[in-house]
C-alpha cells in the first residue's frame, strides 16, 4: 500500500466535528504508550485485587500460611503504594519528554465550570477514597498480623521455631509476644520495628546467631511490661514447691522434696516489705555490675533504701582495665530470665515420664536407657526421629532380649514420649542442646554462675565487713 493510499484511508470527514484534545487527554493517552505508566497502573491494579482476595481468604480461614498473610499484609500494600507513585511519575516523565523534543503542550488546568473536569475531579476523589479505605483496612489487619505470636513464631520459622515451641507450652501462651517484648506505647513499638528490620536483614544474609543470645539486652524494663499483670506489692506469703525425682536404682518410688518459698509481700504485722520479691520492691533499688554479657559474674551490688541510706557490696572480681562497666537496676528478668521460653532438662522429662506412666517404671533399666538415648547428640532432628525409638529398643535388647520382647509396646511408647521431649527442647541446627538456656531461679546452675548465688555467695561484702548472706532460710524453709 502506498503512502498516498494510507493518507486517503485516514482522511478527516469534513462533516464530522473535530474534537480538540485537552492537555489531560494527551497525558492520559500518553500513559498507555509509556512502559512505566502501564507498569504503574498494572502494579496498582494487581496489588489491590490480590490484597482483597487475600484478605477474604484470611478472614474465612481457608488458608493458614504465614507467608500468604505476609504477602497480603506487607508486600502487596507496598506494591500498591509504589504503583500509585509510579503513575504520576510516568506522567511527569512523559511531559518532560515532550518538552525535550520541542513539542509544545499546554499546561494542565482544572476548570470547574466544565462538566468534564468536574466529573474527572469527582472520579479522582472517589477513587482516592476507595484506595485509602482499602489501604487503611489492610494496614489495620497488617498491624495485628505483625503483632501476633503466629507472625513472630512462624514467619522466620527456622530461627524462631525453638522459642515459639517453648512459648506455646508456657503459662504465658495466651499473652501475645509483643505484650512482653514491646509493651504499651508508641516509642517502644517503633524501636521494636527498627530492630526487626535489622533481624530480618540478618536472616536474609544468614548471619544470625545460633543459638539466639540470652539475655536480650535491648529488652524493655520489666516494670513497663511484666508489672502490667504482676507487681511485687501484691505478692504475699509463701508458696510450696514440690520436686519429684527417681533414680536408676529405684524407678518406682520417687524421692519427693517440698520447700516453702518466701514469695514476699507486705508483712501484715510490721507493714515491712519482705521475702524474695523484696529485691524489686518500690521501697528499695537494687542494682548490680556484671562483667559478662550473660550476667553471671557480678562484681558489685548496690542497695538504696527508702530512708536514703545505701550500701555497696563487692567481691574479688575486677573490671577490665579501661572499662567502667554498666550498672543495671534489678528487675523481674534478672531472676525470671526464662519466664516463658522455658527449656527442660532430660532428667526432668524422663522422671516426669516415669511419674505419668508414659514410661513404664516396671521395665528394668528403662530410666538409664532413656537418659542415654535422649541425651545422644544427634546431628539433626530428623536423625533423632529416625533413630531414637530403635536406639531404645536396642539398649533394652542388650539388657535382656526376652524382657525387650515382653515390653516391646511399652518400650515403643516410651521411645515416642522421649522423642517428643527431645523435639520440644533440642534444635541442633540452632545450636540448642540440653542445658543451652539455663535458669537463674534457684541454684541448679550455680556451678556455671547462674542463679541466686551470683550475689548470695557470702563473698560480696561492704565497707563494714557485712556480706550478702547465702543462708537458705532467707528464701525458703520447710512447709508447715
Protein backbone atom coordinates (compact mmCIF):
# COMPACT_ATOMS: atom_id res chain seq x y z
CA UNK A 1 0.00 0.00 0.00
CA UNK A 2 1.40 3.41 -1.00
CA UNK A 3 1.69 6.38 1.29
CA UNK A 4 -0.98 8.09 -0.79
CA UNK A 5 -3.40 5.25 -0.14
CA UNK A 6 -2.58 5.38 3.55
CA UNK A 7 -3.35 9.06 3.68
CA UNK A 8 -6.60 8.57 1.79
CA UNK A 9 -7.71 5.97 4.31
CA UNK A 10 -7.18 8.42 7.13
CA UNK A 11 -8.83 11.47 5.61
CA UNK A 12 -10.80 13.54 8.07
CA UNK A 13 -14.53 13.73 7.37
CA UNK A 14 -15.22 17.43 6.88
CA UNK A 15 -18.81 16.93 8.07
CA UNK A 16 -17.72 15.35 11.36
CA UNK A 17 -16.92 17.86 14.11
CA UNK A 18 -13.28 17.71 15.16
CA UNK A 19 -12.78 17.12 18.89
CA UNK A 20 -9.79 19.04 20.22
CA UNK A 21 -7.75 17.01 22.70
CA UNK A 22 -7.08 18.64 26.04
CA UNK A 23 -3.81 18.51 27.94
CA UNK A 24 -5.32 15.87 30.26
CA UNK A 25 -6.47 13.75 27.30
CA UNK A 26 -2.98 13.78 25.82
CA UNK A 27 -1.38 12.99 29.17
CA UNK A 28 -3.68 10.05 29.95
CA UNK A 29 -3.34 8.70 26.41
CA UNK A 30 0.40 9.07 26.72
CA UNK A 31 0.47 6.91 29.86
CA UNK A 32 -0.72 3.92 27.85
CA UNK A 33 2.16 4.45 25.43
CA UNK A 34 4.67 4.60 28.27
CA UNK A 35 6.03 1.29 29.61
CA UNK A 36 6.49 2.91 33.02
CA UNK A 37 2.90 4.18 33.05
CA UNK A 38 1.50 0.77 32.08
CA UNK A 39 3.64 -0.85 34.75
CA UNK A 40 2.34 1.57 37.42
CA UNK A 41 -1.32 1.01 36.52
CA UNK A 42 -0.84 -2.77 36.31
CA UNK A 43 1.08 -2.95 39.62
CA UNK A 44 -1.58 -0.93 41.45
CA UNK A 45 -4.49 -2.88 40.00
CA UNK A 46 -2.94 -6.31 40.59
CA UNK A 47 -1.84 -5.42 44.13
CA UNK A 48 -5.29 -4.14 45.13
CA UNK A 49 -7.03 -7.17 43.63
CA UNK A 50 -4.73 -9.68 45.33
CA UNK A 51 -4.95 -7.79 48.64
CA UNK A 52 -8.72 -8.05 48.67
CA UNK A 53 -8.67 -11.72 47.65
CA UNK A 54 -6.01 -12.47 50.29
CA UNK A 55 -7.97 -10.63 52.98
CA UNK A 56 -11.14 -12.60 52.22
CA UNK A 57 -9.20 -15.89 52.31
CA UNK A 58 -7.58 -14.85 55.61
CA UNK A 59 -10.89 -13.91 57.26
CA UNK A 60 -12.58 -17.12 56.10
CA UNK A 61 -9.63 -19.20 57.31
CA UNK A 62 -9.31 -21.04 54.00
CA UNK A 63 -5.51 -20.99 54.08
CA UNK A 64 -3.28 -20.98 57.14
CA UNK A 65 0.08 -19.99 55.76
CA UNK A 66 2.20 -17.25 57.38
CA UNK A 67 3.85 -16.35 54.09
CA UNK A 68 0.48 -15.88 52.37
CA UNK A 69 -0.50 -13.49 55.17
CA UNK A 70 2.87 -11.77 54.94
CA UNK A 71 2.31 -11.25 51.20
CA UNK A 72 -1.24 -9.94 51.75
CA UNK A 73 -0.49 -7.53 54.58
CA UNK A 74 3.03 -6.27 53.83
CA UNK A 75 4.27 -6.98 50.29
CA UNK A 76 1.09 -6.19 48.33
CA UNK A 77 0.34 -2.90 50.17
CA UNK A 78 3.88 -1.81 49.36
CA UNK A 79 3.25 -2.77 45.72
CA UNK A 80 0.04 -0.72 45.71
CA UNK A 81 1.79 2.38 47.09
CA UNK A 82 4.70 2.02 44.67
CA UNK A 83 2.27 1.68 41.76
CA UNK A 84 0.36 4.79 42.83
CA UNK A 85 3.62 6.73 42.98
CA UNK A 86 4.78 5.45 39.58
CA UNK A 87 1.65 6.69 37.77
CA UNK A 88 2.22 10.45 38.34
CA UNK A 89 5.96 9.89 37.86
CA UNK A 90 5.29 8.35 34.44
CA UNK A 91 3.06 11.32 33.57
CA UNK A 92 5.79 13.77 34.63
CA UNK A 93 8.41 11.94 32.57
CA UNK A 94 6.04 11.95 29.56
CA UNK A 95 5.65 15.73 29.70
CA UNK A 96 9.38 16.12 30.23
CA UNK A 97 9.99 14.12 27.03
CA UNK A 98 7.60 16.37 25.11
CA UNK A 99 9.49 19.46 26.19
CA UNK A 100 12.83 17.78 25.48
CA UNK A 101 11.84 17.14 21.86
CA UNK A 102 10.34 20.62 21.39
CA UNK A 103 6.69 19.52 21.42
CA UNK A 104 4.62 22.37 22.74
CA UNK A 105 1.86 21.22 25.08
CA UNK A 106 -0.33 23.44 27.17
CA UNK A 107 -0.24 23.17 30.94
CA UNK A 108 -2.74 21.06 32.81
CA UNK A 109 -5.69 23.07 34.04
CA UNK A 110 -8.73 22.30 36.15
CA UNK A 111 -11.82 24.22 35.08
CA UNK A 112 -14.69 23.54 37.48
CA UNK A 113 -17.11 25.26 35.08
CA UNK A 114 -16.51 22.35 32.70
CA UNK A 115 -18.72 19.29 33.29
CA UNK A 116 -15.94 17.01 32.08
CA UNK A 117 -13.45 18.50 34.53
CA UNK A 118 -15.96 18.25 37.37
CA UNK A 119 -16.65 14.60 36.58
CA UNK A 120 -12.92 13.92 36.46
CA UNK A 121 -12.42 15.59 39.86
CA UNK A 122 -15.31 13.65 41.42
CA UNK A 123 -13.99 10.39 39.99
CA UNK A 124 -10.47 11.13 41.21
CA UNK A 125 -11.68 11.91 44.76
CA UNK A 126 -13.93 8.82 44.83
CA UNK A 127 -11.13 6.56 43.59
CA UNK A 128 -8.70 8.08 46.10
CA UNK A 129 -11.16 7.46 48.95
CA UNK A 130 -11.58 3.85 47.86
CA UNK A 131 -7.80 3.39 47.75
CA UNK A 132 -7.39 5.00 51.16
CA UNK A 133 -10.14 2.80 52.63
CA UNK A 134 -8.52 -0.34 51.22
CA UNK A 135 -5.11 0.74 52.45
CA UNK A 136 -6.46 1.61 55.92
CA UNK A 137 -8.18 -1.77 56.23
CA UNK A 138 -5.10 -3.68 55.08
CA UNK A 139 -2.84 -1.59 57.35
CA UNK A 140 -5.07 -2.33 60.34
CA UNK A 141 -5.08 -6.07 59.61
CA UNK A 142 -1.36 -5.98 58.87
CA UNK A 143 -0.68 -4.25 62.19
CA UNK A 144 -2.48 -7.01 64.09
CA UNK A 145 -0.85 -9.73 61.99
CA UNK A 146 2.69 -8.47 62.58
CA UNK A 147 1.95 -8.15 66.31
CA UNK A 148 0.59 -11.70 66.59
CA UNK A 149 2.50 -14.65 68.11
CA UNK A 150 1.71 -16.52 64.88
CA UNK A 151 3.75 -13.95 62.93
CA UNK A 152 6.59 -13.88 65.46
CA UNK A 153 6.90 -17.66 65.60
CA UNK A 154 6.25 -18.83 62.06
CA UNK A 155 7.46 -16.27 59.51
CA UNK A 156 11.13 -16.70 60.45
CA UNK A 157 10.43 -20.38 61.12
CA UNK A 158 13.97 -21.76 61.20
CA UNK A 159 15.13 -19.02 63.58
CA UNK A 160 12.17 -18.69 65.93
CA UNK A 161 10.82 -22.25 65.98
CA UNK A 162 12.55 -23.16 69.29
CA UNK A 163 11.25 -20.06 71.08
CA UNK A 164 7.77 -20.48 69.58
CA UNK A 165 7.51 -24.12 70.66
CA UNK A 166 8.60 -23.24 74.20
CA UNK A 167 6.19 -20.30 74.26
CA UNK A 168 3.20 -22.41 73.22
CA UNK A 169 3.56 -24.71 76.24
CA UNK A 170 4.22 -21.95 78.76
CA UNK A 171 1.90 -20.33 81.29
CA UNK A 172 2.12 -17.16 79.17
CA UNK A 173 0.90 -18.86 75.98
CA UNK A 174 -2.21 -16.65 75.91
CA UNK A 175 -0.14 -13.49 76.23
CA UNK A 176 0.94 -12.03 72.88
CA UNK A 177 4.71 -11.79 72.35
CA UNK A 178 4.51 -8.02 71.87
CA UNK A 179 2.96 -7.51 75.30
CA UNK A 180 6.24 -8.60 76.90
CA UNK A 181 8.79 -7.79 74.22
CA UNK A 182 7.38 -4.35 73.34
CA UNK A 183 4.70 -3.31 75.83
CA UNK A 184 2.35 -0.33 75.57
CA UNK A 185 3.17 2.97 73.88
CA UNK A 186 4.46 4.12 70.50
CA UNK A 187 8.12 4.66 71.43
CA UNK A 188 8.98 1.02 72.08
CA UNK A 189 6.78 -0.10 69.18
CA UNK A 190 8.89 1.98 66.78
CA UNK A 191 12.10 0.73 68.41
CA UNK A 192 10.98 -2.87 68.01
CA UNK A 193 10.10 -2.42 64.34
CA UNK A 194 13.50 -0.89 63.55
CA UNK A 195 15.16 -3.70 65.49
CA UNK A 196 13.03 -6.13 63.48
CA UNK A 197 14.41 -4.74 60.22
CA UNK A 198 17.93 -5.48 61.44
CA UNK A 199 16.88 -9.01 62.40
CA UNK A 200 15.23 -9.57 59.00
CA UNK A 201 18.46 -8.49 57.31
CA UNK A 202 20.41 -10.96 59.45
CA UNK A 203 18.02 -13.77 58.46
CA UNK A 204 18.25 -12.91 54.76
CA UNK A 205 22.04 -12.80 54.95
CA UNK A 206 22.17 -15.91 57.16
CA UNK A 207 24.27 -14.06 59.73
CA UNK A 208 22.03 -14.52 62.78
CA UNK A 209 23.44 -16.09 65.94
CA UNK A 210 22.99 -19.79 66.66
CA UNK A 211 21.71 -20.06 69.35
CA UNK A 212 19.91 -16.75 69.83
CA UNK A 213 21.88 -14.90 72.56
CA UNK A 214 20.37 -14.56 76.00
CA UNK A 215 19.63 -12.37 77.84
CA UNK A 216 18.15 -9.86 75.40
CA UNK A 217 19.99 -6.67 76.30
CA UNK A 218 17.56 -4.36 74.45
CA UNK A 219 14.54 -5.74 76.31
CA UNK A 220 12.20 -3.15 77.78
CA UNK A 221 12.37 -2.83 81.61
CA UNK A 222 10.09 -5.32 83.35
CA UNK A 223 8.29 -2.54 85.27
CA UNK A 224 6.80 -1.47 81.92
CA UNK A 225 5.80 -4.96 80.82
CA UNK A 226 5.72 -7.73 83.47
CA UNK A 227 4.21 -5.41 86.05
CA UNK A 228 1.21 -4.75 83.84
CA UNK A 229 -0.03 -8.05 85.32
CA UNK A 230 2.33 -8.82 88.24
CA UNK A 231 3.61 -6.29 90.72
CA UNK A 232 5.64 -7.05 93.87
CA UNK A 233 3.49 -5.05 96.24
CA UNK A 234 0.65 -7.53 95.73
CA UNK A 235 2.68 -10.70 96.34
CA UNK A 236 2.09 -12.26 99.72
CA UNK A 237 3.01 -15.22 101.89
CA UNK A 238 4.63 -18.47 100.84
CA UNK A 239 4.32 -20.93 98.01
CA UNK A 240 5.02 -24.65 98.38
CA UNK A 241 7.05 -26.10 95.54
CA UNK A 242 7.38 -29.86 95.06
CA UNK A 243 10.31 -31.61 93.39
CA UNK A 244 9.82 -35.25 92.31
CA UNK A 245 12.74 -37.36 91.11
CA UNK A 246 13.58 -41.01 90.53
CA UNK A 247 16.90 -42.84 90.43
CA UNK A 248 18.26 -45.63 88.26
CA UNK A 249 18.14 -47.93 91.28
CA UNK A 250 14.50 -47.15 92.10
CA UNK A 251 12.22 -46.32 89.17
CA UNK A 252 9.01 -46.90 91.10
CA UNK A 253 9.25 -44.95 94.35
CA UNK A 254 10.12 -41.29 93.76
CA UNK A 255 12.01 -39.02 96.08
CA UNK A 256 9.77 -36.07 96.89
CA UNK A 257 11.16 -32.79 98.23
CA UNK A 258 8.91 -29.92 99.27
CA UNK A 259 10.05 -26.41 100.13
CA UNK A 260 8.11 -23.28 101.06
CA UNK A 261 9.30 -20.32 99.02
CA UNK A 262 9.13 -16.93 100.72
CA UNK A 263 7.33 -15.15 97.88
CA UNK A 264 7.12 -11.96 99.92
CA UNK A 265 4.83 -9.01 100.25
CA UNK A 266 3.86 -6.59 102.99
CA UNK A 267 4.06 -8.13 106.43
CA UNK A 268 0.57 -7.58 107.93
CA UNK A 269 2.08 -7.00 111.38
CA UNK A 270 5.01 -4.73 110.56
CA UNK A 271 3.94 -3.42 107.11
CA UNK A 272 7.51 -4.03 106.01
CA UNK A 273 8.18 -5.48 102.58
CA UNK A 274 9.96 -8.81 102.83
CA UNK A 275 10.60 -12.10 101.06
CA UNK A 276 12.21 -12.93 97.73
CA UNK A 277 10.50 -10.11 95.84
CA UNK A 278 11.99 -7.56 98.21
CA UNK A 279 14.65 -7.19 95.51
CA UNK A 280 12.22 -5.43 93.16
CA UNK A 281 10.07 -3.61 95.71
CA UNK A 282 9.43 0.08 95.12
CA UNK A 283 10.85 0.61 98.60
CA UNK A 284 14.38 -0.30 97.53
CA UNK A 285 16.54 -0.15 94.44
CA UNK A 286 19.00 -2.99 93.88
CA UNK A 287 21.47 -2.56 91.05
CA UNK A 288 24.49 -4.60 90.04
CA UNK A 289 27.55 -4.50 87.85
CA UNK A 290 28.08 -7.60 85.69
CA UNK A 291 31.35 -8.42 83.95
CA UNK A 292 29.90 -10.61 81.19
CA UNK A 293 27.03 -10.48 78.69
CA UNK A 294 25.24 -13.39 80.36
CA UNK A 295 25.25 -11.51 83.70
CA UNK A 296 26.71 -14.48 85.56
CA UNK A 297 29.76 -12.70 87.01
CA UNK A 298 28.61 -9.99 89.40
CA UNK A 299 31.41 -7.70 90.57
CA UNK A 300 29.38 -5.22 92.61
CA UNK A 301 25.91 -4.89 94.13
CA UNK A 302 24.39 -1.60 95.26
CA UNK A 303 21.34 -1.24 97.53
CA UNK A 304 19.42 2.02 98.03
CA UNK A 305 16.89 2.03 100.87
CA UNK A 306 13.80 4.25 101.29
CA UNK A 307 15.41 6.09 104.22
CA UNK A 308 18.13 7.37 101.89
CA UNK A 309 20.91 5.07 103.07
CA UNK A 310 22.79 2.89 100.63
CA UNK A 311 25.32 0.09 100.63
CA UNK A 312 27.71 -1.26 98.04
CA UNK A 313 28.93 -4.86 98.14
CA UNK A 314 31.82 -6.12 96.06
CA UNK A 315 33.92 -9.26 95.70
CA UNK A 316 37.34 -10.04 94.26
CA UNK A 317 36.26 -9.65 90.63
CA UNK A 318 37.80 -6.64 88.93
CA UNK A 319 36.71 -4.70 85.89
CA UNK A 320 38.95 -4.98 82.82
CA UNK A 321 41.32 -2.03 82.61
CA UNK A 322 39.79 0.95 80.84
CA UNK A 323 36.20 -0.26 81.28
CA UNK A 324 33.75 1.26 83.74
CA UNK A 325 31.02 -1.32 83.21
CA UNK A 326 27.28 -0.85 83.05
CA UNK A 327 25.17 -0.79 86.20
CA UNK A 328 21.79 -2.45 85.78
CA UNK A 329 18.79 -1.86 88.01
CA UNK A 330 17.48 -5.26 89.05
CA UNK A 331 14.04 -6.26 87.78
CA UNK A 332 11.97 -9.42 87.26
CA UNK A 333 14.06 -10.73 84.36
CA UNK A 334 17.23 -10.90 86.46
CA UNK A 335 15.81 -13.94 88.27
CA UNK A 336 12.95 -14.99 85.97
CA UNK A 337 15.23 -14.99 82.94
CA UNK A 338 13.18 -17.75 81.28
CA UNK A 339 9.64 -16.71 82.24
CA UNK A 340 8.06 -18.02 79.05
CA UNK A 341 10.64 -19.72 76.82
CA UNK A 342 11.44 -22.49 79.30
CA UNK A 343 13.57 -25.41 78.15
CA UNK A 344 13.52 -28.63 80.15
CA UNK A 345 16.33 -30.91 81.16
CA UNK A 346 16.50 -34.62 80.19
CA UNK A 347 16.25 -35.83 83.80
CA UNK A 348 13.08 -33.77 84.25
CA UNK A 349 11.44 -35.26 81.16
CA UNK A 350 12.43 -38.85 81.97
CA UNK A 351 11.28 -38.57 85.59
CA UNK A 352 8.00 -37.00 84.52
CA UNK A 353 7.57 -39.86 82.05
CA UNK A 354 8.01 -42.37 84.86
CA UNK A 355 5.64 -40.43 87.14
CA UNK A 356 2.93 -40.15 84.47
CA UNK A 357 3.50 -43.79 83.37
CA UNK A 358 4.31 -42.74 79.82
CA UNK A 359 7.50 -44.63 80.58
CA UNK A 360 6.65 -47.93 82.24
CA UNK A 361 8.65 -47.98 85.52
CA UNK A 362 8.33 -51.79 85.68
CA UNK A 363 10.78 -52.20 82.78
CA UNK A 364 14.20 -52.87 84.32
CA UNK A 365 16.85 -50.28 83.35
CA UNK A 366 14.39 -48.13 81.40
CA UNK A 367 15.38 -44.89 83.18
CA UNK A 368 19.08 -45.30 82.49
CA UNK A 369 18.47 -46.30 78.86
CA UNK A 370 16.01 -43.45 78.38
CA UNK A 371 18.57 -40.92 79.60
CA UNK A 372 21.18 -42.38 77.28
CA UNK A 373 19.10 -42.11 74.11
CA UNK A 374 17.55 -38.72 74.92
CA UNK A 375 20.97 -37.15 75.59
CA UNK A 376 22.57 -38.59 72.44
CA UNK A 377 23.86 -35.69 70.33
CA UNK A 378 22.12 -36.40 67.05
CA UNK A 379 23.33 -34.28 64.14
CA UNK A 380 19.79 -33.32 63.12
CA UNK A 381 16.27 -33.60 64.49
CA UNK A 382 15.43 -35.81 61.51
CA UNK A 383 18.17 -38.23 62.55
CA UNK A 384 16.75 -38.28 66.08
CA UNK A 385 13.26 -39.02 64.71
CA UNK A 386 14.62 -41.90 62.64
CA UNK A 387 16.83 -43.42 65.35
CA UNK A 388 15.66 -42.71 68.90
CA UNK A 389 12.95 -45.34 69.28
CA UNK A 390 15.15 -48.04 67.68
CA UNK A 391 18.08 -46.99 69.86
CA UNK A 392 15.97 -47.50 72.98
CA UNK A 393 14.82 -50.92 71.76
CA UNK A 394 18.43 -51.96 71.05
CA UNK A 395 19.59 -50.91 74.52
CA UNK A 396 16.80 -52.92 76.09
CA UNK A 397 17.64 -55.95 73.95
CA UNK A 398 21.24 -55.75 75.17
CA UNK A 399 19.96 -55.96 78.73
CA UNK A 400 17.57 -58.84 78.19
CA UNK A 401 16.13 -59.93 74.80
CA UNK A 402 13.18 -61.68 76.42
CA UNK A 403 12.38 -58.65 78.54
CA UNK A 404 12.61 -56.41 75.47
CA UNK A 405 10.15 -58.61 73.60
CA UNK A 406 7.80 -58.75 76.57
CA UNK A 407 7.66 -54.97 76.96
CA UNK A 408 8.03 -54.14 73.26
CA UNK A 409 4.90 -51.98 73.02
CA UNK A 410 5.74 -50.14 76.25
CA UNK A 411 9.29 -49.52 75.02
CA UNK A 412 7.96 -48.07 71.77
CA UNK A 413 5.54 -45.89 73.77
CA UNK A 414 8.44 -44.71 75.95
CA UNK A 415 10.57 -44.01 72.87
CA UNK A 416 7.77 -41.96 71.33
CA UNK A 417 7.49 -39.91 74.52
CA UNK A 418 11.26 -39.37 74.64
CA UNK A 419 11.28 -38.25 71.01
CA UNK A 420 8.52 -35.73 71.70
CA UNK A 421 10.50 -34.43 74.69
CA UNK A 422 13.65 -34.18 72.58
CA UNK A 423 11.87 -32.35 69.75
CA UNK A 424 10.44 -29.88 72.25
CA UNK A 425 13.85 -28.90 73.64
CA UNK A 426 16.70 -29.62 71.21
CA UNK A 427 17.46 -27.98 67.84
CA UNK A 428 20.99 -28.92 66.63
CA UNK A 429 20.74 -26.59 63.61
CA UNK A 430 20.24 -23.64 66.00
CA UNK A 431 22.97 -24.79 68.40
CA UNK A 432 20.39 -25.62 71.08
CA UNK A 433 21.16 -28.70 73.14
CA UNK A 434 20.03 -29.77 76.60
CA UNK A 435 21.00 -27.02 79.05
CA UNK A 436 21.85 -24.36 76.46
CA UNK A 437 19.46 -21.91 78.12
CA UNK A 438 19.92 -22.02 81.88
CA UNK A 439 17.68 -20.51 84.53
CA UNK A 440 18.56 -18.06 87.30
CA UNK A 441 15.74 -19.33 89.52
CA UNK A 442 17.21 -21.17 92.48
CA UNK A 443 20.73 -22.55 92.25
CA UNK A 444 20.51 -25.54 89.92
CA UNK A 445 23.18 -24.00 87.68
CA UNK A 446 25.27 -22.39 90.43
CA UNK A 447 28.48 -24.01 89.15
CA UNK A 448 28.01 -22.14 85.85
CA UNK A 449 27.33 -18.82 87.57
CA UNK A 450 23.56 -18.93 87.22
CA UNK A 451 21.02 -18.39 89.97
CA UNK A 452 20.80 -16.70 93.35
CA UNK A 453 24.38 -17.45 94.30
CA UNK A 454 25.69 -14.93 91.80
CA UNK A 455 25.20 -12.41 94.60
CA UNK A 456 24.23 -14.53 97.62
CA UNK A 457 27.65 -16.13 97.96
CA UNK A 458 28.89 -14.78 101.32
CA UNK A 459 31.74 -13.17 99.33
CA UNK A 460 30.21 -9.81 98.35
CA UNK A 461 30.97 -7.55 101.32
CA UNK A 462 30.51 -3.86 102.17
CA UNK A 463 32.83 -1.43 103.94
CA UNK A 464 31.60 -2.68 107.36
CA UNK A 465 32.50 -6.27 106.51
CA UNK A 466 28.87 -7.38 106.15
CA UNK A 467 28.20 -9.87 103.36
CA UNK A 468 25.28 -10.82 101.17
CA UNK A 469 24.20 -13.95 103.01
CA UNK A 470 23.83 -17.40 101.50
CA UNK A 471 21.58 -18.57 104.35
CA UNK A 472 18.97 -20.93 102.83
CA UNK A 473 16.21 -19.71 105.18
CA UNK A 474 16.25 -16.28 103.54
CA UNK A 475 14.44 -17.68 100.53
CA UNK A 476 12.81 -20.92 101.63
CA UNK A 477 12.17 -23.30 104.53
CA UNK A 478 10.23 -26.45 105.36
CA UNK A 479 6.47 -26.32 104.71
CA UNK A 480 4.43 -26.05 107.88
